[in-house]
Every structure is written in C-alpha cells, then in structure tokens.
Amino acid sequence: MTIREMTVAIGAEICQDEFEDSELSGAYTSDLLSDVMANAKDGGALITIQAHKNTVAVATLVNISVIVICNSRPLPEDMLEAAKDEGIAVIRTRENQFTVSGKIWELLGGISC
C-alpha cells in the first residue's frame, strides 16, 4: 500500500505533498521521539501527535516515509517546510492514535515496524 492509498483509506488529508509515493513497510506509534529513534524502522509511517520540526528530524534519522498527525493538531509552517526539504509526507487526521494505528495495521495486513 502506498502513502497516498493509505491516506485515502484512513480518511486523512495530505498537508505536505512533495514526496515519493512509496510502499509502506509498516508503522510505529509513539509521542516520545527518543522511542521512535530506538524502535521505528525504515520506510514506515510514524503515528503521533508531535506536530513540530523535531518530529521531522527524527523521521529523517530513521527513514520514516510519512508522519501521520492525529487529533487534528495544528501544523506549524516550519515543520511542513522541513518535511518538504526531506521529502517526507505529512498527513493529518481527526482521529486519535489508537484508532489510526488499528486502521493502518489492518490495511498493512498486520505488519508493524
């Protein structure tokens, strides 16, 4: 499943759309960025409420393909600009992390990273 296909399937909006529409290899849910650095894997989605520039820096370190911001959090312009520079998709949904994690897990056939 590609990033754009996943975005449509979960009913999210694309907020930073300059990225390669790659296949997702899994997903990781966390708001603790040090946890993401230690445990997330290449090519996955990061599901979080951490809507700031540091989230993009961490996503870059672990080669995250898409950041999924939950609870309709506002997205600062510097975060979107950093994501654009790194080619990382940023999408946003009204739903909470638990719901989004379950939906993505199901869409990916139970794959996690």
PDB file of N, CA and C in Angstrom:
ATOM      1  N   MET A   1       0.840  -1.171   0.000  1.00  0.00           N
ATOM      2  CA  MET A   1       0.000   0.000   0.000  1.00  0.00           C
ATOM      3  C   MET A   1       0.893   1.245   0.000  1.00  0.00           C
ATOM      4  N   THR A   2       0.577   2.184  -0.870  1.00  0.00           N
ATOM      5  CA  THR A   2       1.369   3.409  -0.943  1.00  0.00           C
ATOM      6  C   THR A   2       0.873   4.429   0.086  1.00  0.00           C
ATOM      7  N   ILE A   3       1.656   5.471   0.258  1.00  0.00           N
ATOM      8  CA  ILE A   3       1.298   6.540   1.189  1.00  0.00           C
ATOM      9  C   ILE A   3      -0.044   7.162   0.798  1.00  0.00           C
ATOM     10  N   ARG A   4      -0.223   7.472  -0.468  1.00  0.00           N
ATOM     11  CA  ARG A   4      -1.470   8.103  -0.915  1.00  0.00           C
ATOM     12  C   ARG A   4      -2.665   7.159  -0.753  1.00  0.00           C
ATOM     13  N   GLU A   5      -2.481   5.888  -1.052  1.00  0.00           N
ATOM     14  CA  GLU A   5      -3.564   4.917  -0.866  1.00  0.00           C
ATOM     15  C   GLU A   5      -3.956   4.824   0.614  1.00  0.00           C
ATOM     16  N   MET A   6      -2.975   4.791   1.480  1.00  0.00           N
ATOM     17  CA  MET A   6      -3.231   4.730   2.912  1.00  0.00           C
ATOM     18  C   MET A   6      -3.949   5.984   3.382  1.00  0.00           C
ATOM     19  N   THR A   7      -3.535   7.131   2.888  1.00  0.00           N
ATOM     20  CA  THR A   7      -4.161   8.401   3.269  1.00  0.00           C
ATOM     21  C   THR A   7      -5.643   8.403   2.926  1.00  0.00           C
ATOM     22  N   VAL A   8      -5.981   7.970   1.731  1.00  0.00           N
ATOM     23  CA  VAL A   8      -7.389   7.895   1.314  1.00  0.00           C
ATOM     24  C   VAL A   8      -8.142   6.886   2.179  1.00  0.00           C
ATOM     25  N   ALA A   9      -7.543   5.734   2.411  1.00  0.00           N
ATOM     26  CA  ALA A   9      -8.205   4.660   3.148  1.00  0.00           C
ATOM     27  C   ALA A   9      -8.540   5.043   4.591  1.00  0.00           C
ATOM     28  N   ILE A  10      -7.709   5.887   5.205  1.00  0.00           N
ATOM     29  CA  ILE A  10      -7.991   6.284   6.593  1.00  0.00           C
ATOM     30  C   ILE A  10      -8.719   7.622   6.677  1.00  0.00           C
ATOM     31  N   GLY A  11      -8.991   8.235   5.531  1.00  0.00           N
ATOM     32  CA  GLY A  11      -9.737   9.485   5.502  1.00  0.00           C
ATOM     33  C   GLY A  11      -8.953  10.676   6.026  1.00  0.00           C
ATOM     34  N   ALA A  12      -7.657  10.691   5.779  1.00  0.00           N
ATOM     35  CA  ALA A  12      -6.801  11.785   6.244  1.00  0.00           C
ATOM     36  C   ALA A  12      -6.576  12.798   5.126  1.00  0.00           C
ATOM     37  N   GLU A  13      -5.969  13.927   5.480  1.00  0.00           N
ATOM     38  CA  GLU A  13      -5.635  14.952   4.491  1.00  0.00           C
ATOM     39  C   GLU A  13      -4.115  15.035   4.337  1.00  0.00           C
ATOM     40  N   ILE A  14      -3.671  15.232   3.122  1.00  0.00           N
ATOM     41  CA  ILE A  14      -2.242  15.410   2.865  1.00  0.00           C
ATOM     42  C   ILE A  14      -1.912  16.880   3.078  1.00  0.00           C
ATOM     43  N   CYS A  15      -0.984  17.145   3.977  1.00  0.00           N
ATOM     44  CA  CYS A  15      -0.603  18.523   4.310  1.00  0.00           C
ATOM     45  C   CYS A  15       0.745  18.916   3.726  1.00  0.00           C
ATOM     46  N   GLN A  16       1.579  17.953   3.429  1.00  0.00           N
ATOM     47  CA  GLN A  16       2.866  18.177   2.755  1.00  0.00           C
ATOM     48  C   GLN A  16       2.923  17.118   1.674  1.00  0.00           C
ATOM     49  N   ASP A  17       2.775  17.559   0.420  1.00  0.00           N
ATOM     50  CA  ASP A  17       2.576  16.600  -0.671  1.00  0.00           C
ATOM     51  C   ASP A  17       3.755  16.442  -1.627  1.00  0.00           C
ATOM     52  N   GLU A  18       4.912  16.946  -1.269  1.00  0.00           N
ATOM     53  CA  GLU A  18       6.089  16.766  -2.121  1.00  0.00           C
ATOM     54  C   GLU A  18       6.926  15.618  -1.566  1.00  0.00           C
ATOM     55  N   PHE A  19       6.558  14.392  -1.996  1.00  0.00           N
ATOM     56  CA  PHE A  19       7.209  13.184  -1.513  1.00  0.00           C
ATOM     57  C   PHE A  19       7.058  12.090  -2.562  1.00  0.00           C
ATOM     58  N   GLU A  20       7.895  11.068  -2.439  1.00  0.00           N
ATOM     59  CA  GLU A  20       7.774   9.901  -3.296  1.00  0.00           C
ATOM     60  C   GLU A  20       6.667   9.019  -2.722  1.00  0.00           C
ATOM     61  N   ASP A  21       5.709   8.645  -3.539  1.00  0.00           N
ATOM     62  CA  ASP A  21       4.576   7.843  -3.083  1.00  0.00           C
ATOM     63  C   ASP A  21       4.976   6.373  -2.998  1.00  0.00           C
ATOM     64  N   SER A  22       5.795   6.069  -2.011  1.00  0.00           N
ATOM     65  CA  SER A  22       6.375   4.741  -1.880  1.00  0.00           C
ATOM     66  C   SER A  22       5.453   3.779  -1.134  1.00  0.00           C
ATOM     67  N   GLU A  23       5.776   2.510  -1.236  1.00  0.00           N
ATOM     68  CA  GLU A  23       5.072   1.465  -0.499  1.00  0.00           C
ATOM     69  C   GLU A  23       5.474   1.556   0.968  1.00  0.00           C
ATOM     70  N   LEU A  24       4.505   1.446   1.849  1.00  0.00           N
ATOM     71  CA  LEU A  24       4.788   1.468   3.278  1.00  0.00           C
ATOM     72  C   LEU A  24       5.243   0.085   3.733  1.00  0.00           C
ATOM     73  N   SER A  25       6.266   0.078   4.571  1.00  0.00           N
ATOM     74  CA  SER A  25       6.789  -1.193   5.080  1.00  0.00           C
ATOM     75  C   SER A  25       6.248  -1.509   6.469  1.00  0.00           C
ATOM     76  N   GLY A  26       5.503  -0.603   7.052  1.00  0.00           N
ATOM     77  CA  GLY A  26       4.958  -0.807   8.387  1.00  0.00           C
ATOM     78  C   GLY A  26       4.603   0.527   9.006  1.00  0.00           C
ATOM     79  N   ALA A  27       4.438   0.527  10.325  1.00  0.00           N
ATOM     80  CA  ALA A  27       4.104   1.759  11.035  1.00  0.00           C
ATOM     81  C   ALA A  27       4.570   1.649  12.477  1.00  0.00           C
ATOM     82  N   TYR A  28       4.734   2.814  13.109  1.00  0.00           N
ATOM     83  CA  TYR A  28       5.131   2.867  14.517  1.00  0.00           C
ATOM     84  C   TYR A  28       4.382   4.023  15.165  1.00  0.00           C
ATOM     85  N   THR A  29       3.831   3.790  16.343  1.00  0.00           N
ATOM     86  CA  THR A  29       3.074   4.810  17.055  1.00  0.00           C
ATOM     87  C   THR A  29       3.816   5.196  18.323  1.00  0.00           C
ATOM     88  N   SER A  30       4.130   6.487  18.448  1.00  0.00           N
ATOM     89  CA  SER A  30       4.768   6.980  19.668  1.00  0.00           C
ATOM     90  C   SER A  30       4.785   8.498  19.655  1.00  0.00           C
ATOM     91  N   ASP A  31       4.754   9.065  20.862  1.00  0.00           N
ATOM     92  CA  ASP A  31       4.928  10.503  21.023  1.00  0.00           C
ATOM     93  C   ASP A  31       6.283  10.827  21.642  1.00  0.00           C
ATOM     94  N   LEU A  32       7.008   9.817  22.022  1.00  0.00           N
ATOM     95  CA  LEU A  32       8.324  10.003  22.613  1.00  0.00           C
ATOM     96  C   LEU A  32       9.354   9.831  21.499  1.00  0.00           C
ATOM     97  N   LEU A  33       9.957  10.929  21.080  1.00  0.00           N
ATOM     98  CA  LEU A  33      10.822  10.886  19.899  1.00  0.00           C
ATOM     99  C   LEU A  33      12.048  10.010  20.101  1.00  0.00           C
ATOM    100  N   SER A  34      12.563   9.915  21.313  1.00  0.00           N
ATOM    101  CA  SER A  34      13.693   9.006  21.559  1.00  0.00           C
ATOM    102  C   SER A  34      13.254   7.551  21.362  1.00  0.00           C
ATOM    103  N   ASP A  35      12.011   7.235  21.682  1.00  0.00           N
ATOM    104  CA  ASP A  35      11.464   5.901  21.444  1.00  0.00           C
ATOM    105  C   ASP A  35      11.385   5.618  19.947  1.00  0.00           C
ATOM    106  N   VAL A  36      10.963   6.612  19.180  1.00  0.00           N
ATOM    107  CA  VAL A  36      10.898   6.465  17.722  1.00  0.00           C
ATOM    108  C   VAL A  36      12.292   6.205  17.164  1.00  0.00           C
ATOM    109  N   MET A  37      13.279   6.953  17.634  1.00  0.00           N
ATOM    110  CA  MET A  37      14.656   6.756  17.158  1.00  0.00           C
ATOM    111  C   MET A  37      15.153   5.345  17.461  1.00  0.00           C
ATOM    112  N   ALA A  38      14.766   4.809  18.599  1.00  0.00           N
ATOM    113  CA  ALA A  38      15.249   3.495  19.014  1.00  0.00           C
ATOM    114  C   ALA A  38      14.506   2.335  18.369  1.00  0.00           C
ATOM    115  N   ASN A  39      13.249   2.546  17.963  1.00  0.00           N
ATOM    116  CA  ASN A  39      12.428   1.397  17.579  1.00  0.00           C
ATOM    117  C   ASN A  39      11.766   1.427  16.214  1.00  0.00           C
ATOM    118  N   ALA A  40      11.582   2.578  15.608  1.00  0.00           N
ATOM    119  CA  ALA A  40      10.935   2.633  14.288  1.00  0.00           C
ATOM    120  C   ALA A  40      11.904   2.119  13.227  1.00  0.00           C
ATOM    121  N   LYS A  41      11.343   1.602  12.156  1.00  0.00           N
ATOM    122  CA  LYS A  41      12.154   1.028  11.079  1.00  0.00           C
ATOM    123  C   LYS A  41      11.955   1.808   9.771  1.00  0.00           C
ATOM    124  N   ASP A  42      12.862   1.553   8.837  1.00  0.00           N
ATOM    125  CA  ASP A  42      12.844   2.185   7.512  1.00  0.00           C
ATOM    126  C   ASP A  42      11.502   2.069   6.794  1.00  0.00           C
ATOM    127  N   GLY A  43      11.145   3.159   6.113  1.00  0.00           N
ATOM    128  CA  GLY A  43      10.049   3.123   5.160  1.00  0.00           C
ATOM    129  C   GLY A  43       8.654   3.022   5.736  1.00  0.00           C
ATOM    130  N   GLY A  44       8.517   3.286   7.020  1.00  0.00           N
ATOM    131  CA  GLY A  44       7.212   3.166   7.652  1.00  0.00           C
ATOM    132  C   GLY A  44       6.532   4.501   7.872  1.00  0.00           C
ATOM    133  N   ALA A  45       5.383   4.411   8.522  1.00  0.00           N
ATOM    134  CA  ALA A  45       4.627   5.586   8.927  1.00  0.00           C
ATOM    135  C   ALA A  45       4.863   5.821  10.417  1.00  0.00           C
ATOM    136  N   LEU A  46       4.979   7.075  10.808  1.00  0.00           N
ATOM    137  CA  LEU A  46       5.036   7.448  12.218  1.00  0.00           C
ATOM    138  C   LEU A  46       3.694   8.047  12.583  1.00  0.00           C
ATOM    139  N   ILE A  47       3.013   7.450  13.542  1.00  0.00           N
ATOM    140  CA  ILE A  47       1.697   7.909  14.002  1.00  0.00           C
ATOM    141  C   ILE A  47       1.915   8.612  15.335  1.00  0.00           C
ATOM    142  N   THR A  48       1.568   9.912  15.404  1.00  0.00           N
ATOM    143  CA  THR A  48       1.918  10.711  16.571  1.00  0.00           C
ATOM    144  C   THR A  48       1.028  11.944  16.687  1.00  0.00           C
ATOM    145  N   ILE A  49       1.151  12.636  17.812  1.00  0.00           N
ATOM    146  CA  ILE A  49       0.550  13.968  17.960  1.00  0.00           C
ATOM    147  C   ILE A  49       1.640  15.033  18.031  1.00  0.00           C
ATOM    148  N   GLN A  50       2.881  14.630  17.885  1.00  0.00           N
ATOM    149  CA  GLN A  50       4.012  15.561  17.957  1.00  0.00           C
ATOM    150  C   GLN A  50       4.149  16.330  16.642  1.00  0.00           C
ATOM    151  N   ALA A  51       3.523  17.475  16.575  1.00  0.00           N
ATOM    152  CA  ALA A  51       3.497  18.287  15.357  1.00  0.00           C
ATOM    153  C   ALA A  51       4.496  19.431  15.486  1.00  0.00           C
ATOM    154  N   HIS A  52       5.766  19.112  15.246  1.00  0.00           N
ATOM    155  CA  HIS A  52       6.798  20.150  15.261  1.00  0.00           C
ATOM    156  C   HIS A  52       8.004  19.691  14.446  1.00  0.00           C
ATOM    157  N   LYS A  53       8.915  20.598  14.247  1.00  0.00           N
ATOM    158  CA  LYS A  53      10.085  20.379  13.390  1.00  0.00           C
ATOM    159  C   LYS A  53      10.948  19.209  13.860  1.00  0.00           C
ATOM    160  N   ASN A  54      11.045  18.999  15.166  1.00  0.00           N
ATOM    161  CA  ASN A  54      11.866  17.890  15.678  1.00  0.00           C
ATOM    162  C   ASN A  54      11.327  16.529  15.254  1.00  0.00           C
ATOM    163  N   THR A  55      10.029  16.429  15.054  1.00  0.00           N
ATOM    164  CA  THR A  55       9.442  15.176  14.583  1.00  0.00           C
ATOM    165  C   THR A  55       9.994  14.833  13.203  1.00  0.00           C
ATOM    166  N   VAL A  56      10.154  15.838  12.362  1.00  0.00           N
ATOM    167  CA  VAL A  56      10.709  15.625  11.027  1.00  0.00           C
ATOM    168  C   VAL A  56      12.178  15.204  11.127  1.00  0.00           C
ATOM    169  N   ALA A  57      12.921  15.823  12.020  1.00  0.00           N
ATOM    170  CA  ALA A  57      14.336  15.463  12.195  1.00  0.00           C
ATOM    171  C   ALA A  57      14.469  13.996  12.599  1.00  0.00           C
ATOM    172  N   VAL A  58      13.645  13.558  13.523  1.00  0.00           N
ATOM    173  CA  VAL A  58      13.682  12.164  13.961  1.00  0.00           C
ATOM    174  C   VAL A  58      13.240  11.239  12.828  1.00  0.00           C
ATOM    175  N   ALA A  59      12.201  11.612  12.113  1.00  0.00           N
ATOM    176  CA  ALA A  59      11.734  10.806  10.984  1.00  0.00           C
ATOM    177  C   ALA A  59      12.847  10.645   9.942  1.00  0.00           C
ATOM    178  N   THR A  60      13.601  11.693   9.732  1.00  0.00           N
ATOM    179  CA  THR A  60      14.722  11.638   8.793  1.00  0.00           C
ATOM    180  C   THR A  60      15.789  10.661   9.271  1.00  0.00           C
ATOM    181  N   LEU A  61      16.086  10.698  10.562  1.00  0.00           N
ATOM    182  CA  LEU A  61      17.116   9.809  11.132  1.00  0.00           C
ATOM    183  C   LEU A  61      16.793   8.334  10.916  1.00  0.00           C
ATOM    184  N   VAL A  62      15.525   7.973  11.040  1.00  0.00           N
ATOM    185  CA  VAL A  62      15.154   6.562  10.941  1.00  0.00           C
ATOM    186  C   VAL A  62      14.475   6.219   9.617  1.00  0.00           C
ATOM    187  N   ASN A  63      14.502   7.153   8.679  1.00  0.00           N
ATOM    188  CA  ASN A  63      13.981   6.948   7.327  1.00  0.00           C
ATOM    189  C   ASN A  63      12.477   6.650   7.296  1.00  0.00           C
ATOM    190  N   ILE A  64      11.724   7.412   8.077  1.00  0.00           N
ATOM    191  CA  ILE A  64      10.265   7.333   8.061  1.00  0.00           C
ATOM    192  C   ILE A  64       9.769   7.977   6.765  1.00  0.00           C
ATOM    193  N   SER A  65       8.775   7.367   6.122  1.00  0.00           N
ATOM    194  CA  SER A  65       8.253   7.884   4.855  1.00  0.00           C
ATOM    195  C   SER A  65       7.128   8.895   5.027  1.00  0.00           C
ATOM    196  N   VAL A  66       6.337   8.733   6.094  1.00  0.00           N
ATOM    197  CA  VAL A  66       5.164   9.594   6.297  1.00  0.00           C
ATOM    198  C   VAL A  66       4.925   9.786   7.787  1.00  0.00           C
ATOM    199  N   ILE A  67       4.634  11.015   8.153  1.00  0.00           N
ATOM    200  CA  ILE A  67       4.249  11.346   9.522  1.00  0.00           C
ATOM    201  C   ILE A  67       2.736  11.552   9.524  1.00  0.00           C
ATOM    202  N   VAL A  68       2.048  10.785  10.371  1.00  0.00           N
ATOM    203  CA  VAL A  68       0.595  10.878  10.497  1.00  0.00           C
ATOM    204  C   VAL A  68       0.301  11.616  11.805  1.00  0.00           C
ATOM    205  N   ILE A  69      -0.199  12.830  11.681  1.00  0.00           N
ATOM    206  CA  ILE A  69      -0.532  13.648  12.847  1.00  0.00           C
ATOM    207  C   ILE A  69      -2.006  13.423  13.194  1.00  0.00           C
ATOM    208  N   CYS A  70      -2.248  13.055  14.443  1.00  0.00           N
ATOM    209  CA  CYS A  70      -3.607  12.727  14.897  1.00  0.00           C
ATOM    210  C   CYS A  70      -4.245  13.891  15.654  1.00  0.00           C
ATOM    211  N   ASN A  71      -5.531  13.746  15.935  1.00  0.00           N
ATOM    212  CA  ASN A  71      -6.317  14.697  16.728  1.00  0.00           C
ATOM    213  C   ASN A  71      -6.381  16.095  16.115  1.00  0.00           C
ATOM    214  N   SER A  72      -6.269  16.183  14.800  1.00  0.00           N
ATOM    215  CA  SER A  72      -6.365  17.467  14.079  1.00  0.00           C
ATOM    216  C   SER A  72      -5.419  18.536  14.626  1.00  0.00           C
ATOM    217  N   ARG A  73      -4.264  18.121  15.076  1.00  0.00           N
ATOM    218  CA  ARG A  73      -3.307  19.075  15.622  1.00  0.00           C
ATOM    219  C   ARG A  73      -2.910  20.095  14.560  1.00  0.00           C
ATOM    220  N   PRO A  74      -2.730  21.355  14.969  1.00  0.00           N
ATOM    221  CA  PRO A  74      -2.233  22.352  14.009  1.00  0.00           C
ATOM    222  C   PRO A  74      -0.795  22.025  13.618  1.00  0.00           C
ATOM    223  N   LEU A  75      -0.473  22.324  12.372  1.00  0.00           N
ATOM    224  CA  LEU A  75       0.857  22.021  11.848  1.00  0.00           C
ATOM    225  C   LEU A  75       1.631  23.315  11.616  1.00  0.00           C
ATOM    226  N   PRO A  76       2.723  23.518  12.330  1.00  0.00           N
ATOM    227  CA  PRO A  76       3.500  24.734  12.124  1.00  0.00           C
ATOM    228  C   PRO A  76       4.185  24.735  10.752  1.00  0.00           C
ATOM    229  N   GLU A  77       4.314  25.902  10.202  1.00  0.00           N
ATOM    230  CA  GLU A  77       4.903  26.041   8.867  1.00  0.00           C
ATOM    231  C   GLU A  77       6.340  25.518   8.811  1.00  0.00           C
ATOM    232  N   ASP A  78       7.120  25.722   9.877  1.00  0.00           N
ATOM    233  CA  ASP A  78       8.499  25.234   9.841  1.00  0.00           C
ATOM    234  C   ASP A  78       8.565  23.704   9.811  1.00  0.00           C
ATOM    235  N   MET A  79       7.573  23.042  10.383  1.00  0.00           N
ATOM    236  CA  MET A  79       7.523  21.579  10.302  1.00  0.00           C
ATOM    237  C   MET A  79       7.260  21.140   8.861  1.00  0.00           C
ATOM    238  N   LEU A  80       6.276  21.770   8.237  1.00  0.00           N
ATOM    239  CA  LEU A  80       5.931  21.414   6.859  1.00  0.00           C
ATOM    240  C   LEU A  80       7.074  21.718   5.901  1.00  0.00           C
ATOM    241  N   GLU A  81       7.762  22.816   6.148  1.00  0.00           N
ATOM    242  CA  GLU A  81       8.912  23.188   5.302  1.00  0.00           C
ATOM    243  C   GLU A  81      10.049  22.169   5.461  1.00  0.00           C
ATOM    244  N   ALA A  82      10.319  21.759   6.695  1.00  0.00           N
ATOM    245  CA  ALA A  82      11.360  20.754   6.942  1.00  0.00           C
ATOM    246  C   ALA A  82      10.996  19.426   6.284  1.00  0.00           C
ATOM    247  N   ALA A  83       9.730  19.031   6.379  1.00  0.00           N
ATOM    248  CA  ALA A  83       9.273  17.787   5.751  1.00  0.00           C
ATOM    249  C   ALA A  83       9.408  17.861   4.235  1.00  0.00           C
ATOM    250  N   LYS A  84       9.086  19.017   3.675  1.00  0.00           N
ATOM    251  CA  LYS A  84       9.236  19.213   2.228  1.00  0.00           C
ATOM    252  C   LYS A  84      10.702  19.070   1.828  1.00  0.00           C
ATOM    253  N   ASP A  85      11.588  19.695   2.581  1.00  0.00           N
ATOM    254  CA  ASP A  85      13.025  19.609   2.298  1.00  0.00           C
ATOM    255  C   ASP A  85      13.537  18.170   2.344  1.00  0.00           C
ATOM    256  N   GLU A  86      12.957  17.362   3.228  1.00  0.00           N
ATOM    257  CA  GLU A  86      13.395  15.972   3.399  1.00  0.00           C
ATOM    258  C   GLU A  86      12.592  14.980   2.559  1.00  0.00           C
ATOM    259  N   GLY A  87      11.531  15.456   1.892  1.00  0.00           N
ATOM    260  CA  GLY A  87      10.707  14.564   1.076  1.00  0.00           C
ATOM    261  C   GLY A  87       9.852  13.614   1.902  1.00  0.00           C
ATOM    262  N   ILE A  88       9.479  14.046   3.097  1.00  0.00           N
ATOM    263  CA  ILE A  88       8.643  13.237   3.986  1.00  0.00           C
ATOM    264  C   ILE A  88       7.204  13.738   3.900  1.00  0.00           C
ATOM    265  N   ALA A  89       6.292  12.822   3.651  1.00  0.00           N
ATOM    266  CA  ALA A  89       4.873  13.180   3.612  1.00  0.00           C
ATOM    267  C   ALA A  89       4.388  13.498   5.020  1.00  0.00           C
ATOM    268  N   VAL A  90       3.493  14.476   5.122  1.00  0.00           N
ATOM    269  CA  VAL A  90       2.832  14.779   6.387  1.00  0.00           C
ATOM    270  C   VAL A  90       1.340  14.752   6.110  1.00  0.00           C
ATOM    271  N   ILE A  91       0.641  13.889   6.847  1.00  0.00           N
ATOM    272  CA  ILE A  91      -0.806  13.830   6.721  1.00  0.00           C
ATOM    273  C   ILE A  91      -1.426  14.069   8.094  1.00  0.00           C
ATOM    274  N   ARG A  92      -2.698  14.473   8.084  1.00  0.00           N
ATOM    275  CA  ARG A  92      -3.382  14.784   9.342  1.00  0.00           C
ATOM    276  C   ARG A  92      -4.769  14.167   9.337  1.00  0.00           C
ATOM    277  N   THR A  93      -5.161  13.705  10.517  1.00  0.00           N
ATOM    278  CA  THR A  93      -6.479  13.104  10.695  1.00  0.00           C
ATOM    279  C   THR A  93      -7.115  13.615  11.983  1.00  0.00           C
ATOM    280  N   ARG A  94      -8.432  13.572  12.036  1.00  0.00           N
ATOM    281  CA  ARG A  94      -9.164  13.957  13.249  1.00  0.00           C
ATOM    282  C   ARG A  94      -9.091  12.867  14.310  1.00  0.00           C
ATOM    283  N   GLU A  95      -8.857  11.644  13.866  1.00  0.00           N
ATOM    284  CA  GLU A  95      -8.932  10.505  14.775  1.00  0.00           C
ATOM    285  C   GLU A  95      -7.727  10.426  15.717  1.00  0.00           C
ATOM    286  N   ASN A  96      -7.906   9.670  16.804  1.00  0.00           N
ATOM    287  CA  ASN A  96      -6.821   9.520  17.774  1.00  0.00           C
ATOM    288  C   ASN A  96      -5.828   8.446  17.322  1.00  0.00           C
ATOM    289  N   GLN A  97      -4.730   8.362  18.030  1.00  0.00           N
ATOM    290  CA  GLN A  97      -3.656   7.446  17.644  1.00  0.00           C
ATOM    291  C   GLN A  97      -4.066   5.980  17.702  1.00  0.00           C
ATOM    292  N   PHE A  98      -4.868   5.615  18.691  1.00  0.00           N
ATOM    293  CA  PHE A  98      -5.298   4.232  18.827  1.00  0.00           C
ATOM    294  C   PHE A  98      -6.093   3.807  17.590  1.00  0.00           C
ATOM    295  N   THR A  99      -7.045   4.620  17.195  1.00  0.00           N
ATOM    296  CA  THR A  99      -7.892   4.316  16.049  1.00  0.00           C
ATOM    297  C   THR A  99      -7.073   4.267  14.764  1.00  0.00           C
ATOM    298  N   VAL A 100      -6.225   5.259  14.562  1.00  0.00           N
ATOM    299  CA  VAL A 100      -5.408   5.320  13.345  1.00  0.00           C
ATOM    300  C   VAL A 100      -4.434   4.146  13.288  1.00  0.00           C
ATOM    301  N   SER A 101      -3.836   3.816  14.411  1.00  0.00           N
ATOM    302  CA  SER A 101      -2.908   2.681  14.450  1.00  0.00           C
ATOM    303  C   SER A 101      -3.607   1.391  14.043  1.00  0.00           C
ATOM    304  N   GLY A 102      -4.809   1.186  14.571  1.00  0.00           N
ATOM    305  CA  GLY A 102      -5.561  -0.013  14.218  1.00  0.00           C
ATOM    306  C   GLY A 102      -5.914  -0.070  12.744  1.00  0.00           C
ATOM    307  N   LYS A 103      -6.335   1.054  12.210  1.00  0.00           N
ATOM    308  CA  LYS A 103      -6.691   1.108  10.781  1.00  0.00           C
ATOM    309  C   LYS A 103      -5.479   0.809   9.900  1.00  0.00           C
ATOM    310  N   ILE A 104      -4.361   1.440  10.199  1.00  0.00           N
ATOM    311  CA  ILE A 104      -3.163   1.233   9.372  1.00  0.00           C
ATOM    312  C   ILE A 104      -2.652  -0.198   9.535  1.00  0.00           C
ATOM    313  N   TRP A 105      -2.665  -0.717  10.743  1.00  0.00           N
ATOM    314  CA  TRP A 105      -2.250  -2.091  10.987  1.00  0.00           C
ATOM    315  C   TRP A 105      -3.066  -3.049  10.134  1.00  0.00           C
ATOM    316  N   GLU A 106      -4.374  -2.828  10.113  1.00  0.00           N
ATOM    317  CA  GLU A 106      -5.256  -3.678   9.313  1.00  0.00           C
ATOM    318  C   GLU A 106      -4.971  -3.531   7.817  1.00  0.00           C
ATOM    319  N   LEU A 107      -4.796  -2.301   7.360  1.00  0.00           N
ATOM    320  CA  LEU A 107      -4.523  -2.051   5.940  1.00  0.00           C
ATOM    321  C   LEU A 107      -3.230  -2.718   5.485  1.00  0.00           C
ATOM    322  N   LEU A 108      -2.260  -2.776   6.385  1.00  0.00           N
ATOM    323  CA  LEU A 108      -0.958  -3.361   6.048  1.00  0.00           C
ATOM    324  C   LEU A 108      -0.907  -4.856   6.340  1.00  0.00           C
ATOM    325  N   GLY A 109      -2.034  -5.426   6.693  1.00  0.00           N
ATOM    326  CA  GLY A 109      -2.093  -6.859   6.911  1.00  0.00           C
ATOM    327  C   GLY A 109      -1.369  -7.308   8.176  1.00  0.00           C
ATOM    328  N   GLY A 110      -1.342  -6.459   9.186  1.00  0.00           N
ATOM    329  CA  GLY A 110      -0.723  -6.828  10.451  1.00  0.00           C
ATOM    330  C   GLY A 110       0.777  -6.632  10.505  1.00  0.00           C
ATOM    331  N   ILE A 111       1.345  -5.926   9.524  1.00  0.00           N
ATOM    332  CA  ILE A 111       2.788  -5.645   9.521  1.00  0.00           C
ATOM    333  C   ILE A 111       3.064  -4.499  10.468  1.00  0.00           C
ATOM    334  N   SER A 112       4.066  -4.603  11.297  1.00  0.00           N
ATOM    335  CA  SER A 112       4.482  -3.478  12.134  1.00  0.00           C
ATOM    336  C   SER A 112       5.975  -3.280  11.966  1.00  0.00           C
ATOM    337  N   CYS A 113       6.439  -2.126  12.396  1.00  0.00           N
ATOM    338  CA  CYS A 113       7.888  -1.890  12.347  1.00  0.00           C
ATOM    339  C   CYS A 113       8.313  -1.150  13.578  1.00  0.00           C
TER     340      CYS A 113
END
